[in-house]
């Protein structure tokens, strides 16, 4: 069992690795929402493209956070 103190010490490092994918994924998602809103007036292709871009942004966020966990977990928490 990992000590709570050790896990809390690894938290800032995880946050540092997870911030960049969150920022990039948020920007991509906002861009997708803008495409979606503009596309509502243009026809069917705009909203579909917007939804796809939003999904890509959310995937960037999720995969970035999981990658940060896999980066920090073995190095900081599990290493004894």
PDB file of N, CA and C in Angstrom:
ATOM      1  N   UNK A   1       0.843  -1.175   0.000  1.00  0.00           N
ATOM      2  CA  UNK A   1       0.000   0.000   0.000  1.00  0.00           C
ATOM      3  C   UNK A   1       0.897   1.250   0.000  1.00  0.00           C
ATOM      4  N   UNK A   2       0.565   2.182  -0.855  1.00  0.00           N
ATOM      5  CA  UNK A   2       1.334   3.420  -0.967  1.00  0.00           C
ATOM      6  C   UNK A   2       0.935   4.366   0.148  1.00  0.00           C
ATOM      7  N   UNK A   3       1.924   5.009   0.732  1.00  0.00           N
ATOM      8  CA  UNK A   3       1.642   5.971   1.792  1.00  0.00           C
ATOM      9  C   UNK A   3       0.952   7.205   1.219  1.00  0.00           C
ATOM     10  N   UNK A   4       0.047   7.742   2.001  1.00  0.00           N
ATOM     11  CA  UNK A   4      -0.706   8.922   1.583  1.00  0.00           C
ATOM     12  C   UNK A   4       0.234  10.113   1.372  1.00  0.00           C
ATOM     13  N   UNK A   5       1.242  10.227   2.211  1.00  0.00           N
ATOM     14  CA  UNK A   5       2.207  11.329   2.111  1.00  0.00           C
ATOM     15  C   UNK A   5       2.965  11.272   0.784  1.00  0.00           C
ATOM     16  N   UNK A   6       3.341  10.062   0.380  1.00  0.00           N
ATOM     17  CA  UNK A   6       4.079   9.894  -0.869  1.00  0.00           C
ATOM     18  C   UNK A   6       3.190  10.237  -2.073  1.00  0.00           C
ATOM     19  N   UNK A   7       1.932   9.835  -1.996  1.00  0.00           N
ATOM     20  CA  UNK A   7       1.004  10.132  -3.088  1.00  0.00           C
ATOM     21  C   UNK A   7       0.766  11.638  -3.206  1.00  0.00           C
ATOM     22  N   UNK A   8       0.657  12.320  -2.082  1.00  0.00           N
ATOM     23  CA  UNK A   8       0.449  13.774  -2.112  1.00  0.00           C
ATOM     24  C   UNK A   8       1.688  14.509  -2.631  1.00  0.00           C
ATOM     25  N   UNK A   9       2.857  13.969  -2.382  1.00  0.00           N
ATOM     26  CA  UNK A   9       4.077  14.588  -2.903  1.00  0.00           C
ATOM     27  C   UNK A   9       4.167  14.440  -4.425  1.00  0.00           C
ATOM     28  N   UNK A  10       3.564  13.394  -4.978  1.00  0.00           N
ATOM     29  CA  UNK A  10       3.599  13.173  -6.424  1.00  0.00           C
ATOM     30  C   UNK A  10       2.525  13.977  -7.155  1.00  0.00           C
ATOM     31  N   UNK A  11       1.533  14.485  -6.424  1.00  0.00           N
ATOM     32  CA  UNK A  11       0.431  15.207  -7.045  1.00  0.00           C
ATOM     33  C   UNK A  11       0.871  16.442  -7.840  1.00  0.00           C
ATOM     34  N   UNK A  12       1.745  17.319  -7.320  1.00  0.00           N
ATOM     35  CA  UNK A  12       2.147  18.487  -8.130  1.00  0.00           C
ATOM     36  C   UNK A  12       2.839  18.103  -9.437  1.00  0.00           C
ATOM     37  N   UNK A  13       3.613  17.030  -9.411  1.00  0.00           N
ATOM     38  CA  UNK A  13       4.284  16.594 -10.632  1.00  0.00           C
ATOM     39  C   UNK A  13       3.258  16.091 -11.645  1.00  0.00           C
ATOM     40  N   UNK A  14       2.237  15.352 -11.166  1.00  0.00           N
ATOM     41  CA  UNK A  14       1.177  14.896 -12.063  1.00  0.00           C
ATOM     42  C   UNK A  14       0.430  16.081 -12.651  1.00  0.00           C
ATOM     43  N   UNK A  15       0.132  17.070 -11.829  1.00  0.00           N
ATOM     44  CA  UNK A  15      -0.565  18.258 -12.321  1.00  0.00           C
ATOM     45  C   UNK A  15       0.256  18.987 -13.379  1.00  0.00           C
ATOM     46  N   UNK A  16       1.570  19.034 -13.180  1.00  0.00           N
ATOM     47  CA  UNK A  16       2.428  19.706 -14.151  1.00  0.00           C
ATOM     48  C   UNK A  16       2.385  18.991 -15.506  1.00  0.00           C
ATOM     49  N   UNK A  17       2.353  17.667 -15.486  1.00  0.00           N
ATOM     50  CA  UNK A  17       2.285  16.912 -16.746  1.00  0.00           C
ATOM     51  C   UNK A  17       0.888  16.954 -17.366  1.00  0.00           C
ATOM     52  N   UNK A  18      -0.152  17.131 -16.552  1.00  0.00           N
ATOM     53  CA  UNK A  18      -1.525  17.074 -17.054  1.00  0.00           C
ATOM     54  C   UNK A  18      -2.054  18.422 -17.523  1.00  0.00           C
ATOM     55  N   UNK A  19      -1.393  19.519 -17.162  1.00  0.00           N
ATOM     56  CA  UNK A  19      -1.915  20.854 -17.490  1.00  0.00           C
ATOM     57  C   UNK A  19      -1.887  21.106 -18.998  1.00  0.00           C
ATOM     58  N   UNK A  20      -0.819  20.797 -19.658  1.00  0.00           N
ATOM     59  CA  UNK A  20      -0.696  21.089 -21.087  1.00  0.00           C
ATOM     60  C   UNK A  20      -1.746  20.355 -21.937  1.00  0.00           C
ATOM     61  N   UNK A  21      -1.951  19.046 -21.738  1.00  0.00           N
ATOM     62  CA  UNK A  21      -3.018  18.404 -22.521  1.00  0.00           C
ATOM     63  C   UNK A  21      -4.402  18.980 -22.209  1.00  0.00           C
ATOM     64  N   UNK A  22      -4.625  19.401 -20.970  1.00  0.00           N
ATOM     65  CA  UNK A  22      -5.920  20.003 -20.624  1.00  0.00           C
ATOM     66  C   UNK A  22      -6.123  21.325 -21.357  1.00  0.00           C
ATOM     67  N   UNK A  23      -5.090  22.128 -21.417  1.00  0.00           N
ATOM     68  CA  UNK A  23      -5.192  23.407 -22.114  1.00  0.00           C
ATOM     69  C   UNK A  23      -5.415  23.181 -23.608  1.00  0.00           C
ATOM     70  N   UNK A  24      -4.623  22.309 -24.202  1.00  0.00           N
ATOM     71  CA  UNK A  24      -4.753  22.042 -25.639  1.00  0.00           C
ATOM     72  C   UNK A  24      -6.114  21.425 -25.954  1.00  0.00           C
ATOM     73  N   UNK A  25      -6.542  20.450 -25.154  1.00  0.00           N
ATOM     74  CA  UNK A  25      -7.833  19.813 -25.378  1.00  0.00           C
ATOM     75  C   UNK A  25      -8.996  20.778 -25.212  1.00  0.00           C
ATOM     76  N   UNK A  26      -8.887  21.694 -24.259  1.00  0.00           N
ATOM     77  CA  UNK A  26      -9.936  22.690 -24.066  1.00  0.00           C
ATOM     78  C   UNK A  26     -10.006  23.630 -25.259  1.00  0.00           C
ATOM     79  N   UNK A  27      -8.860  24.060 -25.747  1.00  0.00           N
ATOM     80  CA  UNK A  27      -8.855  24.945 -26.910  1.00  0.00           C
ATOM     81  C   UNK A  27      -9.447  24.251 -28.146  1.00  0.00           C
ATOM     82  N   UNK A  28      -9.110  22.987 -28.332  1.00  0.00           N
ATOM     83  CA  UNK A  28      -9.654  22.237 -29.465  1.00  0.00           C
ATOM     84  C   UNK A  28     -11.169  22.080 -29.310  1.00  0.00           C
ATOM     85  N   UNK A  29     -11.626  21.785 -28.093  1.00  0.00           N
ATOM     86  CA  UNK A  29     -13.062  21.627 -27.858  1.00  0.00           C
ATOM     87  C   UNK A  29     -13.818  22.928 -28.085  1.00  0.00           C
ATOM     88  N   UNK A  30     -13.262  24.031 -27.632  1.00  0.00           N
ATOM     89  CA  UNK A  30     -13.907  25.328 -27.855  1.00  0.00           C
ATOM     90  C   UNK A  30     -13.953  25.627 -29.354  1.00  0.00           C
ATOM     91  N   UNK A  31     -12.888  25.309 -30.060  1.00  0.00           N
ATOM     92  CA  UNK A  31     -12.894  25.475 -31.517  1.00  0.00           C
ATOM     93  C   UNK A  31     -13.969  24.622 -32.166  1.00  0.00           C
ATOM     94  N   UNK A  32     -14.144  23.409 -31.666  1.00  0.00           N
ATOM     95  CA  UNK A  32     -15.191  22.540 -32.187  1.00  0.00           C
ATOM     96  C   UNK A  32     -16.581  23.094 -31.915  1.00  0.00           C
ATOM     97  N   UNK A  33     -16.760  23.685 -30.734  1.00  0.00           N
ATOM     98  CA  UNK A  33     -18.054  24.309 -30.438  1.00  0.00           C
ATOM     99  C   UNK A  33     -18.317  25.496 -31.351  1.00  0.00           C
ATOM    100  N   UNK A  34     -17.267  26.251 -31.657  1.00  0.00           N
ATOM    101  CA  UNK A  34     -17.427  27.387 -32.572  1.00  0.00           C
ATOM    102  C   UNK A  34     -17.787  26.890 -33.970  1.00  0.00           C
ATOM    103  N   UNK A  35     -17.144  25.822 -34.416  1.00  0.00           N
ATOM    104  CA  UNK A  35     -17.479  25.241 -35.718  1.00  0.00           C
ATOM    105  C   UNK A  35     -18.921  24.747 -35.708  1.00  0.00           C
ATOM    106  N   UNK A  36     -19.317  24.124 -34.604  1.00  0.00           N
ATOM    107  CA  UNK A  36     -20.683  23.614 -34.487  1.00  0.00           C
ATOM    108  C   UNK A  36     -21.700  24.752 -34.583  1.00  0.00           C
ATOM    109  N   UNK A  37     -21.454  25.846 -33.858  1.00  0.00           N
ATOM    110  CA  UNK A  37     -22.408  26.962 -33.863  1.00  0.00           C
ATOM    111  C   UNK A  37     -22.466  27.643 -35.235  1.00  0.00           C
ATOM    112  N   UNK A  38     -21.314  27.832 -35.862  1.00  0.00           N
ATOM    113  CA  UNK A  38     -21.299  28.430 -37.206  1.00  0.00           C
ATOM    114  C   UNK A  38     -21.958  27.499 -38.210  1.00  0.00           C
ATOM    115  N   UNK A  39     -21.754  26.198 -38.050  1.00  0.00           N
ATOM    116  CA  UNK A  39     -22.271  25.232 -38.991  1.00  0.00           C
ATOM    117  C   UNK A  39     -23.769  25.037 -38.897  1.00  0.00           C
ATOM    118  N   UNK A  40     -24.367  25.435 -37.778  1.00  0.00           N
ATOM    119  CA  UNK A  40     -25.817  25.292 -37.639  1.00  0.00           C
ATOM    120  C   UNK A  40     -26.552  26.090 -38.712  1.00  0.00           C
ATOM    121  N   UNK A  41     -25.936  27.183 -39.153  1.00  0.00           N
ATOM    122  CA  UNK A  41     -26.555  28.020 -40.174  1.00  0.00           C
ATOM    123  C   UNK A  41     -26.211  27.544 -41.582  1.00  0.00           C
ATOM    124  N   UNK A  42     -25.136  26.779 -41.717  1.00  0.00           N
ATOM    125  CA  UNK A  42     -24.644  26.396 -43.042  1.00  0.00           C
ATOM    126  C   UNK A  42     -25.268  25.102 -43.571  1.00  0.00           C
ATOM    127  N   UNK A  43     -25.625  24.201 -42.694  1.00  0.00           N
ATOM    128  CA  UNK A  43     -26.168  22.928 -43.154  1.00  0.00           C
ATOM    129  C   UNK A  43     -25.774  21.801 -42.226  1.00  0.00           C
ATOM    130  N   UNK A  44     -25.763  20.600 -42.718  1.00  0.00           N
ATOM    131  CA  UNK A  44     -25.529  19.421 -41.877  1.00  0.00           C
ATOM    132  C   UNK A  44     -24.045  19.131 -41.650  1.00  0.00           C
ATOM    133  N   UNK A  45     -23.177  19.507 -42.572  1.00  0.00           N
ATOM    134  CA  UNK A  45     -21.750  19.166 -42.448  1.00  0.00           C
ATOM    135  C   UNK A  45     -21.080  19.936 -41.319  1.00  0.00           C
ATOM    136  N   UNK A  46     -21.481  21.174 -41.087  1.00  0.00           N
ATOM    137  CA  UNK A  46     -20.874  21.993 -40.036  1.00  0.00           C
ATOM    138  C   UNK A  46     -21.053  21.418 -38.646  1.00  0.00           C
ATOM    139  N   UNK A  47     -22.275  21.069 -38.246  1.00  0.00           N
ATOM    140  CA  UNK A  47     -22.457  20.496 -36.912  1.00  0.00           C
ATOM    141  C   UNK A  47     -21.748  19.160 -36.716  1.00  0.00           C
ATOM    142  N   UNK A  48     -21.723  18.349 -37.748  1.00  0.00           N
ATOM    143  CA  UNK A  48     -21.044  17.056 -37.636  1.00  0.00           C
ATOM    144  C   UNK A  48     -19.546  17.267 -37.456  1.00  0.00           C
ATOM    145  N   UNK A  49     -18.972  18.174 -38.226  1.00  0.00           N
ATOM    146  CA  UNK A  49     -17.543  18.476 -38.083  1.00  0.00           C
ATOM    147  C   UNK A  49     -17.253  19.048 -36.697  1.00  0.00           C
ATOM    148  N   UNK A  50     -18.134  19.915 -36.215  1.00  0.00           N
ATOM    149  CA  UNK A  50     -17.948  20.492 -34.886  1.00  0.00           C
ATOM    150  C   UNK A  50     -17.977  19.442 -33.794  1.00  0.00           C
ATOM    151  N   UNK A  51     -18.908  18.508 -33.890  1.00  0.00           N
ATOM    152  CA  UNK A  51     -18.998  17.442 -32.894  1.00  0.00           C
ATOM    153  C   UNK A  51     -17.757  16.564 -32.931  1.00  0.00           C
ATOM    154  N   UNK A  52     -17.256  16.275 -34.108  1.00  0.00           N
ATOM    155  CA  UNK A  52     -16.040  15.463 -34.235  1.00  0.00           C
ATOM    156  C   UNK A  52     -14.852  16.172 -33.609  1.00  0.00           C
ATOM    157  N   UNK A  53     -14.733  17.474 -33.830  1.00  0.00           N
ATOM    158  CA  UNK A  53     -13.614  18.231 -33.249  1.00  0.00           C
ATOM    159  C   UNK A  53     -13.741  18.291 -31.728  1.00  0.00           C
ATOM    160  N   UNK A  54     -14.948  18.439 -31.198  1.00  0.00           N
ATOM    161  CA  UNK A  54     -15.145  18.436 -29.747  1.00  0.00           C
ATOM    162  C   UNK A  54     -14.743  17.084 -29.163  1.00  0.00           C
ATOM    163  N   UNK A  55     -15.117  16.008 -29.820  1.00  0.00           N
ATOM    164  CA  UNK A  55     -14.740  14.669 -29.346  1.00  0.00           C
ATOM    165  C   UNK A  55     -13.222  14.507 -29.354  1.00  0.00           C
ATOM    166  N   UNK A  56     -12.565  15.025 -30.380  1.00  0.00           N
ATOM    167  CA  UNK A  56     -11.094  14.963 -30.430  1.00  0.00           C
ATOM    168  C   UNK A  56     -10.491  15.745 -29.265  1.00  0.00           C
ATOM    169  N   UNK A  57     -11.043  16.914 -28.958  1.00  0.00           N
ATOM    170  CA  UNK A  57     -10.549  17.703 -27.829  1.00  0.00           C
ATOM    171  C   UNK A  57     -10.707  16.983 -26.505  1.00  0.00           C
ATOM    172  N   UNK A  58     -11.852  16.334 -26.309  1.00  0.00           N
ATOM    173  CA  UNK A  58     -12.081  15.590 -25.072  1.00  0.00           C
ATOM    174  C   UNK A  58     -11.127  14.404 -24.987  1.00  0.00           C
ATOM    175  N   UNK A  59     -10.879  13.736 -26.105  1.00  0.00           N
ATOM    176  CA  UNK A  59      -9.922  12.630 -26.114  1.00  0.00           C
ATOM    177  C   UNK A  59      -8.512  13.093 -25.778  1.00  0.00           C
ATOM    178  N   UNK A  60      -8.128  14.270 -26.257  1.00  0.00           N
ATOM    179  CA  UNK A  60      -6.810  14.822 -25.930  1.00  0.00           C
ATOM    180  C   UNK A  60      -6.701  15.021 -24.419  1.00  0.00           C
ATOM    181  N   UNK A  61      -7.743  15.555 -23.815  1.00  0.00           N
ATOM    182  CA  UNK A  61      -7.730  15.774 -22.369  1.00  0.00           C
ATOM    183  C   UNK A  61      -7.623  14.448 -21.619  1.00  0.00           C
ATOM    184  N   UNK A  62      -8.465  13.503 -21.972  1.00  0.00           N
ATOM    185  CA  UNK A  62      -8.478  12.223 -21.259  1.00  0.00           C
ATOM    186  C   UNK A  62      -7.169  11.458 -21.433  1.00  0.00           C
ATOM    187  N   UNK A  63      -6.695  11.362 -22.660  1.00  0.00           N
ATOM    188  CA  UNK A  63      -5.455  10.625 -22.899  1.00  0.00           C
ATOM    189  C   UNK A  63      -4.246  11.316 -22.274  1.00  0.00           C
ATOM    190  N   UNK A  64      -4.256  12.646 -22.268  1.00  0.00           N
ATOM    191  CA  UNK A  64      -3.162  13.382 -21.629  1.00  0.00           C
ATOM    192  C   UNK A  64      -3.108  13.155 -20.132  1.00  0.00           C
ATOM    193  N   UNK A  65      -4.269  13.102 -19.501  1.00  0.00           N
ATOM    194  CA  UNK A  65      -4.294  12.866 -18.054  1.00  0.00           C
ATOM    195  C   UNK A  65      -3.882  11.438 -17.718  1.00  0.00           C
ATOM    196  N   UNK A  66      -4.319  10.490 -18.504  1.00  0.00           N
ATOM    197  CA  UNK A  66      -3.920   9.099 -18.268  1.00  0.00           C
ATOM    198  C   UNK A  66      -2.419   8.927 -18.514  1.00  0.00           C
ATOM    199  N   UNK A  67      -1.899   9.563 -19.546  1.00  0.00           N
ATOM    200  CA  UNK A  67      -0.456   9.494 -19.809  1.00  0.00           C
ATOM    201  C   UNK A  67       0.330  10.120 -18.663  1.00  0.00           C
ATOM    202  N   UNK A  68      -0.190  11.202 -18.091  1.00  0.00           N
ATOM    203  CA  UNK A  68       0.488  11.820 -16.955  1.00  0.00           C
ATOM    204  C   UNK A  68       0.496  10.883 -15.750  1.00  0.00           C
ATOM    205  N   UNK A  69      -0.600  10.170 -15.548  1.00  0.00           N
ATOM    206  CA  UNK A  69      -0.641   9.202 -14.444  1.00  0.00           C
ATOM    207  C   UNK A  69       0.395   8.107 -14.663  1.00  0.00           C
ATOM    208  N   UNK A  70       0.460   7.574 -15.887  1.00  0.00           N
ATOM    209  CA  UNK A  70       1.424   6.514 -16.162  1.00  0.00           C
ATOM    210  C   UNK A  70       2.864   7.018 -16.129  1.00  0.00           C
ATOM    211  N   UNK A  71       3.062   8.293 -16.332  1.00  0.00           N
ATOM    212  CA  UNK A  71       4.406   8.872 -16.242  1.00  0.00           C
ATOM    213  C   UNK A  71       4.831   9.013 -14.789  1.00  0.00           C
ATOM    214  N   UNK A  72       3.949   9.520 -13.940  1.00  0.00           N
ATOM    215  CA  UNK A  72       4.296   9.850 -12.565  1.00  0.00           C
ATOM    216  C   UNK A  72       4.204   8.635 -11.656  1.00  0.00           C
ATOM    217  N   UNK A  73       3.221   7.784 -11.860  1.00  0.00           N
ATOM    218  CA  UNK A  73       2.975   6.669 -10.946  1.00  0.00           C
ATOM    219  C   UNK A  73       4.194   5.768 -10.753  1.00  0.00           C
ATOM    220  N   UNK A  74       4.811   5.265 -11.822  1.00  0.00           N
ATOM    221  CA  UNK A  74       5.975   4.389 -11.583  1.00  0.00           C
ATOM    222  C   UNK A  74       7.187   5.127 -11.040  1.00  0.00           C
ATOM    223  N   UNK A  75       7.378   6.369 -11.467  1.00  0.00           N
ATOM    224  CA  UNK A  75       8.585   7.094 -11.051  1.00  0.00           C
ATOM    225  C   UNK A  75       8.516   7.566  -9.603  1.00  0.00           C
ATOM    226  N   UNK A  76       7.406   8.109  -9.192  1.00  0.00           N
ATOM    227  CA  UNK A  76       7.319   8.769  -7.903  1.00  0.00           C
ATOM    228  C   UNK A  76       6.656   7.925  -6.834  1.00  0.00           C
ATOM    229  N   UNK A  77       5.564   7.311  -7.156  1.00  0.00           N
ATOM    230  CA  UNK A  77       4.771   6.648  -6.131  1.00  0.00           C
ATOM    231  C   UNK A  77       5.215   5.209  -5.896  1.00  0.00           C
ATOM    232  N   UNK A  78       5.396   4.463  -6.970  1.00  0.00           N
ATOM    233  CA  UNK A  78       5.704   3.039  -6.822  1.00  0.00           C
ATOM    234  C   UNK A  78       7.186   2.751  -6.549  1.00  0.00           C
ATOM    235  N   UNK A  79       8.066   3.641  -6.945  1.00  0.00           N
ATOM    236  CA  UNK A  79       9.503   3.407  -6.750  1.00  0.00           C
ATOM    237  C   UNK A  79       9.825   3.435  -5.256  1.00  0.00           C
ATOM    238  N   UNK A  80      10.403   2.375  -4.795  1.00  0.00           N
ATOM    239  CA  UNK A  80      10.765   2.299  -3.362  1.00  0.00           C
ATOM    240  C   UNK A  80      12.182   1.823  -3.191  1.00  0.00           C
TER     241      UNK A  80
END
